[in-house]
Amino acid sequence: MDLEKESQLSLREKTDNVTIIQALEKRLITATAPEEIDACLQIYREVIQQKELIKFNKHQRTIENFQIIRQTSLWGIIISIGVALIISRLTIPGLILIGVVFYDFIFDYQKFRK
């Protein structure tokens, strides 16, 4: 249900952007006054910039999601190795690895807390 709504919204946004751009292009073709042409070009530039900003923000969110997944996976692997070292009676190296994970986690928490 949510996926259906999201796809409809994204389709509507795409068609809205296309119709806005097409309407501006038609308006530019039929414009007679220089002020009207200037205003249409300025609006056209703004619409294009907003579209590029939306694409850039989506890309940034994708990169951030991949970084979160990568970091969480790495933490899980290191904690598992640390626990395995502790179980195999190598307590100090195991505790050091687990401490490194917690230090990294707290460092990230402090960074996002600001």
N, C-alpha and C. Protein backbone atom coordinates (compact mmCIF):
# COMPACT_ATOMS: atom_id res chain seq x y z
N MET A 1 0.83 -1.19 0.00
CA MET A 1 0.00 0.00 0.00
C MET A 1 0.87 1.25 0.00
N ASP A 2 1.89 1.30 0.89
CA ASP A 2 2.77 2.46 0.95
C ASP A 2 3.61 2.59 -0.31
N LEU A 3 4.05 1.46 -0.84
CA LEU A 3 4.84 1.49 -2.07
C LEU A 3 4.02 2.04 -3.22
N GLU A 4 2.76 1.68 -3.24
CA GLU A 4 1.87 2.16 -4.30
C GLU A 4 1.71 3.67 -4.21
N LYS A 5 1.52 4.18 -3.00
CA LYS A 5 1.37 5.63 -2.81
C LYS A 5 2.65 6.36 -3.19
N GLU A 6 3.81 5.79 -2.78
CA GLU A 6 5.08 6.42 -3.11
C GLU A 6 5.30 6.47 -4.62
N SER A 7 4.97 5.37 -5.30
CA SER A 7 5.17 5.35 -6.75
C SER A 7 4.23 6.35 -7.43
N GLN A 8 3.01 6.48 -6.92
CA GLN A 8 2.08 7.46 -7.49
C GLN A 8 2.59 8.88 -7.25
N LEU A 9 3.12 9.14 -6.04
CA LEU A 9 3.63 10.47 -5.75
C LEU A 9 4.84 10.79 -6.61
N SER A 10 5.76 9.83 -6.75
CA SER A 10 6.94 10.10 -7.58
C SER A 10 6.56 10.28 -9.04
N LEU A 11 5.56 9.51 -9.51
CA LEU A 11 5.09 9.67 -10.88
C LEU A 11 4.45 11.04 -11.06
N ARG A 12 3.67 11.46 -10.06
CA ARG A 12 3.02 12.77 -10.14
C ARG A 12 4.06 13.89 -10.12
N GLU A 13 5.13 13.74 -9.28
CA GLU A 13 6.18 14.75 -9.26
C GLU A 13 6.88 14.83 -10.61
N LYS A 14 7.15 13.67 -11.21
CA LYS A 14 7.82 13.67 -12.52
C LYS A 14 6.94 14.33 -13.57
N THR A 15 5.66 13.99 -13.58
CA THR A 15 4.79 14.59 -14.59
C THR A 15 4.59 16.07 -14.32
N ASP A 16 4.55 16.47 -13.03
CA ASP A 16 4.43 17.88 -12.71
C ASP A 16 5.65 18.65 -13.22
N ASN A 17 6.85 18.11 -12.99
CA ASN A 17 8.06 18.77 -13.46
C ASN A 17 8.07 18.86 -14.97
N VAL A 18 7.67 17.78 -15.64
CA VAL A 18 7.66 17.78 -17.10
C VAL A 18 6.65 18.79 -17.62
N THR A 19 5.48 18.82 -17.02
CA THR A 19 4.47 19.76 -17.50
C THR A 19 4.88 21.19 -17.20
N ILE A 20 5.54 21.44 -16.08
CA ILE A 20 6.01 22.79 -15.78
C ILE A 20 7.05 23.21 -16.80
N ILE A 21 7.98 22.34 -17.09
CA ILE A 21 9.03 22.67 -18.06
C ILE A 21 8.42 22.88 -19.44
N GLN A 22 7.49 22.00 -19.83
CA GLN A 22 6.85 22.17 -21.13
C GLN A 22 6.06 23.47 -21.20
N ALA A 23 5.36 23.80 -20.12
CA ALA A 23 4.58 25.04 -20.10
C ALA A 23 5.51 26.25 -20.19
N LEU A 24 6.64 26.19 -19.50
CA LEU A 24 7.59 27.30 -19.57
C LEU A 24 8.19 27.43 -20.97
N GLU A 25 8.47 26.28 -21.59
CA GLU A 25 9.03 26.34 -22.95
C GLU A 25 8.01 26.93 -23.92
N LYS A 26 6.75 26.53 -23.80
CA LYS A 26 5.71 27.10 -24.66
C LYS A 26 5.56 28.60 -24.42
N ARG A 27 5.64 28.96 -23.14
CA ARG A 27 5.51 30.38 -22.79
C ARG A 27 6.68 31.18 -23.36
N LEU A 28 7.88 30.59 -23.34
CA LEU A 28 9.05 31.26 -23.91
C LEU A 28 8.90 31.46 -25.42
N ILE A 29 8.33 30.46 -26.08
CA ILE A 29 8.16 30.54 -27.52
C ILE A 29 7.17 31.65 -27.88
N THR A 30 6.10 31.77 -27.10
CA THR A 30 5.06 32.74 -27.42
C THR A 30 5.27 34.10 -26.77
N ALA A 31 6.32 34.24 -25.97
CA ALA A 31 6.56 35.51 -25.26
C ALA A 31 6.92 36.61 -26.25
N THR A 32 6.42 37.80 -25.97
CA THR A 32 6.71 38.94 -26.84
C THR A 32 7.53 40.00 -26.13
N ALA A 33 7.31 40.20 -24.86
CA ALA A 33 8.03 41.24 -24.10
C ALA A 33 9.33 40.67 -23.53
N PRO A 34 10.38 41.46 -23.53
CA PRO A 34 11.65 40.99 -22.97
C PRO A 34 11.55 40.65 -21.47
N GLU A 35 10.70 41.40 -20.76
CA GLU A 35 10.53 41.13 -19.33
C GLU A 35 9.91 39.74 -19.10
N GLU A 36 8.97 39.40 -19.96
CA GLU A 36 8.32 38.10 -19.86
C GLU A 36 9.31 36.98 -20.16
N ILE A 37 10.15 37.18 -21.18
CA ILE A 37 11.16 36.18 -21.52
C ILE A 37 12.14 36.02 -20.36
N ASP A 38 12.57 37.14 -19.78
CA ASP A 38 13.50 37.10 -18.67
C ASP A 38 12.89 36.38 -17.47
N ALA A 39 11.64 36.67 -17.15
CA ALA A 39 10.97 36.02 -16.03
C ALA A 39 10.82 34.52 -16.28
N CYS A 40 10.44 34.14 -17.49
CA CYS A 40 10.28 32.72 -17.82
C CYS A 40 11.62 31.98 -17.74
N LEU A 41 12.67 32.61 -18.23
CA LEU A 41 14.00 31.98 -18.17
C LEU A 41 14.46 31.82 -16.72
N GLN A 42 14.17 32.81 -15.90
CA GLN A 42 14.56 32.72 -14.50
C GLN A 42 13.81 31.58 -13.80
N ILE A 43 12.53 31.45 -14.06
CA ILE A 43 11.74 30.37 -13.48
C ILE A 43 12.22 29.02 -14.00
N TYR A 44 12.52 28.98 -15.30
CA TYR A 44 13.02 27.74 -15.92
C TYR A 44 14.31 27.29 -15.24
N ARG A 45 15.23 28.25 -15.03
CA ARG A 45 16.50 27.92 -14.35
C ARG A 45 16.25 27.40 -12.94
N GLU A 46 15.33 28.02 -12.23
CA GLU A 46 15.02 27.58 -10.87
C GLU A 46 14.47 26.15 -10.85
N VAL A 47 13.59 25.84 -11.78
CA VAL A 47 13.01 24.49 -11.85
C VAL A 47 14.11 23.47 -12.13
N ILE A 48 14.99 23.78 -13.06
CA ILE A 48 16.09 22.87 -13.40
C ILE A 48 17.02 22.70 -12.20
N GLN A 49 17.34 23.78 -11.50
CA GLN A 49 18.20 23.69 -10.32
C GLN A 49 17.56 22.85 -9.23
N GLN A 50 16.26 23.00 -9.03
CA GLN A 50 15.56 22.21 -8.02
C GLN A 50 15.58 20.73 -8.38
N LYS A 51 15.40 20.42 -9.67
CA LYS A 51 15.45 19.03 -10.10
C LYS A 51 16.84 18.44 -9.83
N GLU A 52 17.89 19.20 -10.13
CA GLU A 52 19.25 18.73 -9.90
C GLU A 52 19.52 18.56 -8.40
N LEU A 53 19.00 19.46 -7.59
CA LEU A 53 19.18 19.37 -6.15
C LEU A 53 18.48 18.13 -5.59
N ILE A 54 17.31 17.83 -6.10
CA ILE A 54 16.58 16.63 -5.67
C ILE A 54 17.37 15.38 -6.03
N LYS A 55 17.92 15.33 -7.25
CA LYS A 55 18.74 14.18 -7.65
C LYS A 55 19.97 14.04 -6.76
N PHE A 56 20.62 15.18 -6.47
CA PHE A 56 21.82 15.16 -5.63
C PHE A 56 21.48 14.68 -4.22
N ASN A 57 20.38 15.15 -3.66
CA ASN A 57 19.99 14.74 -2.31
C ASN A 57 19.66 13.25 -2.25
N LYS A 58 19.00 12.73 -3.28
CA LYS A 58 18.73 11.29 -3.32
C LYS A 58 20.02 10.50 -3.36
N HIS A 59 20.97 10.98 -4.14
CA HIS A 59 22.27 10.32 -4.24
C HIS A 59 22.99 10.35 -2.89
N GLN A 60 22.96 11.49 -2.21
CA GLN A 60 23.59 11.61 -0.90
C GLN A 60 22.97 10.65 0.11
N ARG A 61 21.63 10.54 0.10
CA ARG A 61 20.96 9.62 1.01
C ARG A 61 21.36 8.17 0.73
N THR A 62 21.49 7.82 -0.54
CA THR A 62 21.91 6.47 -0.90
C THR A 62 23.32 6.19 -0.39
N ILE A 63 24.21 7.14 -0.57
CA ILE A 63 25.58 6.98 -0.09
C ILE A 63 25.59 6.83 1.43
N GLU A 64 24.82 7.66 2.13
CA GLU A 64 24.77 7.58 3.59
C GLU A 64 24.21 6.24 4.05
N ASN A 65 23.19 5.73 3.36
CA ASN A 65 22.64 4.42 3.72
C ASN A 65 23.67 3.31 3.54
N PHE A 66 24.43 3.36 2.44
CA PHE A 66 25.47 2.36 2.22
C PHE A 66 26.55 2.45 3.30
N GLN A 67 26.90 3.68 3.70
CA GLN A 67 27.91 3.84 4.73
C GLN A 67 27.43 3.28 6.07
N ILE A 68 26.16 3.50 6.40
CA ILE A 68 25.61 2.96 7.64
C ILE A 68 25.63 1.44 7.62
N ILE A 69 25.21 0.85 6.50
CA ILE A 69 25.21 -0.61 6.38
C ILE A 69 26.63 -1.16 6.49
N ARG A 70 27.58 -0.52 5.81
CA ARG A 70 28.96 -0.97 5.84
C ARG A 70 29.54 -0.88 7.25
N GLN A 71 29.30 0.23 7.91
CA GLN A 71 29.86 0.42 9.24
C GLN A 71 29.24 -0.55 10.26
N THR A 72 27.93 -0.73 10.18
CA THR A 72 27.27 -1.66 11.09
C THR A 72 27.75 -3.09 10.87
N SER A 73 27.93 -3.47 9.62
CA SER A 73 28.43 -4.81 9.32
C SER A 73 29.85 -4.99 9.86
N LEU A 74 30.67 -3.98 9.67
CA LEU A 74 32.04 -4.04 10.15
C LEU A 74 32.06 -4.16 11.68
N TRP A 75 31.22 -3.39 12.35
CA TRP A 75 31.14 -3.49 13.81
C TRP A 75 30.74 -4.90 14.24
N GLY A 76 29.76 -5.47 13.56
CA GLY A 76 29.31 -6.82 13.90
C GLY A 76 30.42 -7.85 13.73
N ILE A 77 31.17 -7.73 12.64
CA ILE A 77 32.27 -8.66 12.40
C ILE A 77 33.35 -8.52 13.47
N ILE A 78 33.69 -7.28 13.80
CA ILE A 78 34.75 -7.06 14.79
C ILE A 78 34.31 -7.54 16.17
N ILE A 79 33.05 -7.29 16.53
CA ILE A 79 32.56 -7.77 17.83
C ILE A 79 32.58 -9.29 17.85
N SER A 80 32.19 -9.93 16.76
CA SER A 80 32.21 -11.40 16.69
C SER A 80 33.63 -11.93 16.85
N ILE A 81 34.58 -11.30 16.19
CA ILE A 81 35.98 -11.73 16.33
C ILE A 81 36.45 -11.53 17.76
N GLY A 82 36.07 -10.39 18.36
CA GLY A 82 36.45 -10.13 19.75
C GLY A 82 35.87 -11.15 20.70
N VAL A 83 34.62 -11.51 20.53
CA VAL A 83 33.99 -12.53 21.38
C VAL A 83 34.67 -13.88 21.16
N ALA A 84 34.98 -14.19 19.90
CA ALA A 84 35.66 -15.46 19.62
C ALA A 84 37.04 -15.50 20.27
N LEU A 85 37.74 -14.37 20.27
CA LEU A 85 39.05 -14.33 20.93
C LEU A 85 38.91 -14.50 22.44
N ILE A 86 37.87 -13.88 23.01
CA ILE A 86 37.65 -14.03 24.46
C ILE A 86 37.32 -15.48 24.80
N ILE A 87 36.49 -16.11 23.99
CA ILE A 87 36.14 -17.51 24.23
C ILE A 87 37.36 -18.41 24.11
N SER A 88 38.25 -18.08 23.17
CA SER A 88 39.45 -18.92 22.99
C SER A 88 40.58 -18.51 23.94
N ARG A 89 40.23 -17.81 25.00
CA ARG A 89 41.13 -17.43 26.10
C ARG A 89 42.19 -16.42 25.70
N LEU A 90 41.94 -15.67 24.66
CA LEU A 90 42.78 -14.51 24.33
C LEU A 90 41.99 -13.26 24.73
N THR A 91 41.90 -13.06 26.03
CA THR A 91 41.01 -12.05 26.59
C THR A 91 41.41 -10.64 26.20
N ILE A 92 42.68 -10.31 26.35
CA ILE A 92 43.10 -8.92 26.11
C ILE A 92 42.90 -8.51 24.66
N PRO A 93 43.34 -9.30 23.66
CA PRO A 93 43.06 -8.88 22.27
C PRO A 93 41.55 -8.79 21.97
N GLY A 94 40.77 -9.71 22.55
CA GLY A 94 39.32 -9.67 22.33
C GLY A 94 38.70 -8.42 22.91
N LEU A 95 39.12 -8.06 24.13
CA LEU A 95 38.59 -6.84 24.76
C LEU A 95 39.04 -5.58 24.01
N ILE A 96 40.25 -5.62 23.48
CA ILE A 96 40.74 -4.47 22.70
C ILE A 96 39.87 -4.28 21.45
N LEU A 97 39.57 -5.36 20.75
CA LEU A 97 38.72 -5.26 19.55
C LEU A 97 37.33 -4.74 19.91
N ILE A 98 36.73 -5.26 20.96
CA ILE A 98 35.41 -4.79 21.37
C ILE A 98 35.47 -3.33 21.81
N GLY A 99 36.55 -2.96 22.50
CA GLY A 99 36.73 -1.56 22.90
C GLY A 99 36.86 -0.63 21.71
N VAL A 100 37.53 -1.09 20.66
CA VAL A 100 37.66 -0.27 19.45
C VAL A 100 36.29 -0.02 18.82
N VAL A 101 35.44 -1.04 18.80
CA VAL A 101 34.10 -0.88 18.24
C VAL A 101 33.29 0.11 19.06
N PHE A 102 33.33 -0.02 20.39
CA PHE A 102 32.57 0.90 21.23
C PHE A 102 33.11 2.33 21.12
N TYR A 103 34.45 2.47 21.02
CA TYR A 103 35.03 3.80 20.85
C TYR A 103 34.54 4.42 19.55
N ASP A 104 34.54 3.64 18.47
CA ASP A 104 34.08 4.14 17.18
C ASP A 104 32.60 4.50 17.24
N PHE A 105 31.80 3.68 17.92
CA PHE A 105 30.37 3.95 18.05
C PHE A 105 30.13 5.25 18.82
N ILE A 106 30.84 5.44 19.93
CA ILE A 106 30.66 6.65 20.73
C ILE A 106 31.13 7.87 19.95
N PHE A 107 32.21 7.73 19.20
CA PHE A 107 32.71 8.85 18.39
C PHE A 107 31.65 9.27 17.36
N ASP A 108 31.00 8.31 16.70
CA ASP A 108 29.93 8.62 15.75
C ASP A 108 28.74 9.25 16.45
N TYR A 109 28.40 8.75 17.63
CA TYR A 109 27.27 9.30 18.39
C TYR A 109 27.54 10.76 18.74
N GLN A 110 28.75 11.07 19.15
CA GLN A 110 29.09 12.46 19.49
C GLN A 110 29.03 13.36 18.25
N LYS A 111 29.42 12.82 17.12
CA LYS A 111 29.41 13.60 15.87
C LYS A 111 27.99 13.96 15.47
N PHE A 112 27.04 13.01 15.61
CA PHE A 112 25.66 13.27 15.21
C PHE A 112 24.88 14.01 16.28
N ARG A 113 25.37 14.03 17.48
CA ARG A 113 24.66 14.68 18.58
C ARG A 113 24.69 16.19 18.45
N LYS A 114 25.71 16.75 17.83
CA LYS A 114 25.85 18.21 17.71
C LYS A 114 24.83 18.81 16.83
